N, C-alpha and C. Protein backbone atom coordinates (compact mmCIF):
# COMPACT_ATOMS: atom_id res chain seq x y z
N MET A 1 9.09 -0.40 7.64
CA MET A 1 8.04 0.25 6.90
C MET A 1 7.61 1.49 7.66
N THR A 2 7.38 2.56 6.95
CA THR A 2 7.00 3.80 7.61
C THR A 2 5.55 3.73 8.05
N GLY A 3 5.19 4.67 8.92
CA GLY A 3 3.83 4.70 9.45
C GLY A 3 2.78 4.93 8.39
N ASN A 4 3.12 5.72 7.37
CA ASN A 4 2.16 6.00 6.31
C ASN A 4 1.89 4.75 5.48
N LYS A 5 2.93 3.96 5.17
CA LYS A 5 2.74 2.74 4.42
C LYS A 5 1.96 1.71 5.23
N LYS A 6 2.22 1.66 6.53
CA LYS A 6 1.47 0.73 7.38
C LYS A 6 -0.01 1.04 7.36
N ALA A 7 -0.33 2.32 7.44
CA ALA A 7 -1.74 2.73 7.42
C ALA A 7 -2.39 2.40 6.09
N ILE A 8 -1.68 2.61 5.00
CA ILE A 8 -2.25 2.32 3.68
C ILE A 8 -2.51 0.82 3.54
N PHE A 9 -1.54 -0.01 3.95
CA PHE A 9 -1.73 -1.45 3.86
C PHE A 9 -2.81 -1.94 4.82
N ALA A 10 -2.93 -1.33 5.98
CA ALA A 10 -3.98 -1.72 6.92
C ALA A 10 -5.36 -1.40 6.35
N VAL A 11 -5.49 -0.24 5.72
CA VAL A 11 -6.77 0.12 5.11
C VAL A 11 -7.07 -0.79 3.93
N LEU A 12 -6.06 -1.09 3.12
CA LEU A 12 -6.25 -2.01 1.99
C LEU A 12 -6.70 -3.38 2.48
N GLY A 13 -6.06 -3.88 3.53
CA GLY A 13 -6.45 -5.17 4.10
C GLY A 13 -7.86 -5.15 4.66
N PHE A 14 -8.22 -4.05 5.32
CA PHE A 14 -9.58 -3.94 5.86
C PHE A 14 -10.61 -3.92 4.75
N LEU A 15 -10.33 -3.19 3.67
CA LEU A 15 -11.27 -3.14 2.55
C LEU A 15 -11.43 -4.51 1.90
N LEU A 16 -10.33 -5.22 1.74
CA LEU A 16 -10.43 -6.58 1.19
C LEU A 16 -11.25 -7.47 2.11
N LEU A 17 -11.00 -7.39 3.39
CA LEU A 17 -11.77 -8.18 4.36
C LEU A 17 -13.24 -7.82 4.31
N ALA A 18 -13.54 -6.53 4.32
CA ALA A 18 -14.94 -6.09 4.33
C ALA A 18 -15.66 -6.50 3.06
N PHE A 19 -15.05 -6.26 1.89
CA PHE A 19 -15.72 -6.61 0.64
C PHE A 19 -15.83 -8.12 0.46
N GLY A 20 -14.82 -8.86 0.89
CA GLY A 20 -14.90 -10.31 0.80
C GLY A 20 -15.98 -10.89 1.70
N PHE A 21 -16.04 -10.41 2.94
CA PHE A 21 -17.05 -10.91 3.88
C PHE A 21 -18.45 -10.47 3.46
N LEU A 22 -18.59 -9.17 3.12
CA LEU A 22 -19.92 -8.68 2.74
C LEU A 22 -20.42 -9.32 1.45
N SER A 23 -19.54 -9.54 0.49
CA SER A 23 -19.99 -10.17 -0.76
C SER A 23 -20.40 -11.61 -0.52
N THR A 24 -19.76 -12.28 0.44
CA THR A 24 -20.17 -13.65 0.78
C THR A 24 -21.54 -13.65 1.44
N VAL A 25 -21.74 -12.77 2.41
CA VAL A 25 -23.02 -12.72 3.13
C VAL A 25 -24.14 -12.23 2.21
N LEU A 26 -23.87 -11.18 1.46
CA LEU A 26 -24.90 -10.66 0.57
C LEU A 26 -25.21 -11.62 -0.57
N GLY A 27 -24.21 -12.39 -0.99
CA GLY A 27 -24.43 -13.38 -2.04
C GLY A 27 -25.39 -14.47 -1.59
N LEU A 28 -25.40 -14.77 -0.29
CA LEU A 28 -26.35 -15.76 0.23
C LEU A 28 -27.78 -15.25 0.16
N MET A 29 -27.94 -13.92 0.14
CA MET A 29 -29.28 -13.32 0.06
C MET A 29 -29.65 -12.95 -1.37
N GLY A 30 -28.77 -13.20 -2.32
CA GLY A 30 -29.06 -12.91 -3.71
C GLY A 30 -28.69 -11.50 -4.14
N ILE A 31 -27.94 -10.79 -3.32
CA ILE A 31 -27.51 -9.44 -3.64
C ILE A 31 -26.03 -9.49 -3.98
N GLN A 32 -25.60 -8.66 -4.92
CA GLN A 32 -24.19 -8.65 -5.28
C GLN A 32 -23.71 -7.23 -5.50
N PHE A 33 -22.41 -7.02 -5.26
CA PHE A 33 -21.80 -5.74 -5.58
C PHE A 33 -21.66 -5.64 -7.09
N VAL A 34 -21.87 -4.45 -7.64
CA VAL A 34 -21.82 -4.27 -9.08
C VAL A 34 -20.41 -4.52 -9.61
N PHE A 35 -19.39 -4.02 -8.90
CA PHE A 35 -18.03 -4.17 -9.40
C PHE A 35 -17.49 -5.59 -9.25
N LEU A 36 -18.20 -6.46 -8.55
CA LEU A 36 -17.81 -7.86 -8.44
C LEU A 36 -18.77 -8.78 -9.21
N SER A 37 -19.63 -8.21 -10.04
CA SER A 37 -20.63 -9.01 -10.74
C SER A 37 -20.01 -9.93 -11.80
N PHE A 38 -18.79 -9.60 -12.27
CA PHE A 38 -18.15 -10.48 -13.25
C PHE A 38 -17.85 -11.86 -12.66
N LEU A 39 -17.76 -11.95 -11.35
CA LEU A 39 -17.50 -13.25 -10.72
C LEU A 39 -18.69 -14.20 -10.85
N GLN A 40 -19.87 -13.66 -11.08
CA GLN A 40 -21.05 -14.51 -11.20
C GLN A 40 -21.07 -15.26 -12.52
N ASN A 41 -20.22 -14.84 -13.48
CA ASN A 41 -20.11 -15.59 -14.74
C ASN A 41 -19.37 -16.90 -14.54
N LEU A 42 -18.60 -16.98 -13.46
CA LEU A 42 -17.90 -18.21 -13.11
C LEU A 42 -18.88 -19.14 -12.38
N SER A 43 -18.41 -20.30 -12.05
CA SER A 43 -19.29 -21.19 -11.29
C SER A 43 -19.48 -20.63 -9.88
N PRO A 44 -20.61 -20.95 -9.25
CA PRO A 44 -20.86 -20.42 -7.90
C PRO A 44 -19.79 -20.82 -6.88
N LEU A 45 -19.25 -22.01 -7.00
CA LEU A 45 -18.21 -22.44 -6.07
C LEU A 45 -16.94 -21.61 -6.22
N VAL A 46 -16.55 -21.34 -7.46
CA VAL A 46 -15.35 -20.54 -7.70
C VAL A 46 -15.56 -19.12 -7.18
N ALA A 47 -16.73 -18.55 -7.42
CA ALA A 47 -17.02 -17.20 -6.93
C ALA A 47 -16.99 -17.16 -5.40
N PHE A 48 -17.55 -18.18 -4.78
CA PHE A 48 -17.54 -18.25 -3.31
C PHE A 48 -16.12 -18.36 -2.77
N LEU A 49 -15.29 -19.17 -3.41
CA LEU A 49 -13.91 -19.32 -2.97
C LEU A 49 -13.11 -18.04 -3.17
N ILE A 50 -13.39 -17.30 -4.22
CA ILE A 50 -12.71 -16.02 -4.44
C ILE A 50 -13.12 -15.02 -3.37
N HIS A 51 -14.38 -15.00 -3.00
CA HIS A 51 -14.84 -14.10 -1.94
C HIS A 51 -14.19 -14.45 -0.61
N LEU A 52 -14.12 -15.73 -0.30
CA LEU A 52 -13.46 -16.15 0.94
C LEU A 52 -11.97 -15.85 0.89
N GLY A 53 -11.36 -16.01 -0.28
CA GLY A 53 -9.95 -15.70 -0.44
C GLY A 53 -9.68 -14.22 -0.25
N MET A 54 -10.60 -13.38 -0.70
CA MET A 54 -10.46 -11.94 -0.48
C MET A 54 -10.48 -11.62 1.01
N ALA A 55 -11.41 -12.23 1.73
CA ALA A 55 -11.50 -11.98 3.17
C ALA A 55 -10.26 -12.48 3.89
N PHE A 56 -9.78 -13.66 3.53
CA PHE A 56 -8.59 -14.21 4.17
C PHE A 56 -7.36 -13.37 3.85
N ALA A 57 -7.22 -12.93 2.59
CA ALA A 57 -6.08 -12.09 2.21
C ALA A 57 -6.13 -10.76 2.95
N GLY A 58 -7.32 -10.23 3.17
CA GLY A 58 -7.45 -9.00 3.93
C GLY A 58 -6.97 -9.14 5.36
N VAL A 59 -7.30 -10.26 5.98
CA VAL A 59 -6.83 -10.51 7.35
C VAL A 59 -5.32 -10.63 7.38
N VAL A 60 -4.74 -11.34 6.42
CA VAL A 60 -3.29 -11.53 6.38
C VAL A 60 -2.58 -10.20 6.15
N ILE A 61 -3.08 -9.39 5.23
CA ILE A 61 -2.46 -8.09 4.95
C ILE A 61 -2.54 -7.19 6.17
N MET A 62 -3.69 -7.17 6.84
CA MET A 62 -3.81 -6.35 8.04
C MET A 62 -2.87 -6.83 9.13
N TYR A 63 -2.76 -8.12 9.30
CA TYR A 63 -1.85 -8.66 10.33
C TYR A 63 -0.41 -8.28 10.04
N LEU A 64 0.01 -8.45 8.80
CA LEU A 64 1.38 -8.13 8.44
C LEU A 64 1.66 -6.63 8.54
N ALA A 65 0.68 -5.81 8.20
CA ALA A 65 0.88 -4.36 8.25
C ALA A 65 0.92 -3.83 9.69
N LEU A 66 0.16 -4.44 10.58
CA LEU A 66 0.05 -3.91 11.93
C LEU A 66 0.97 -4.60 12.94
N THR A 67 1.76 -5.57 12.49
CA THR A 67 2.69 -6.24 13.39
C THR A 67 3.95 -5.40 13.55
N ASP A 68 4.40 -5.29 14.79
CA ASP A 68 5.65 -4.59 15.06
C ASP A 68 6.78 -5.60 14.94
N TRP A 69 7.53 -5.54 13.85
CA TRP A 69 8.55 -6.52 13.55
C TRP A 69 9.83 -6.30 14.34
N ARG A 70 10.00 -5.15 14.95
CA ARG A 70 11.22 -4.88 15.72
C ARG A 70 11.13 -5.45 17.13
N GLU A 71 9.95 -5.81 17.56
CA GLU A 71 9.77 -6.30 18.92
C GLU A 71 10.13 -7.76 19.04
């Protein structure tokens, strides 16, 4: 993978991690992101699991993007 693609995937993973973690923490305080408000129509457990899944997927994407596979 080229350096440009690695950077794009690393940023994408970081954004997923940040939005997943922040939406989980802010959801505990009763605040929500507007673009994720459709998740509140689901049950609270499903919305919480989706937020945690976003954070976990962000960590996995960042790890895969930043690992040197030739080493």
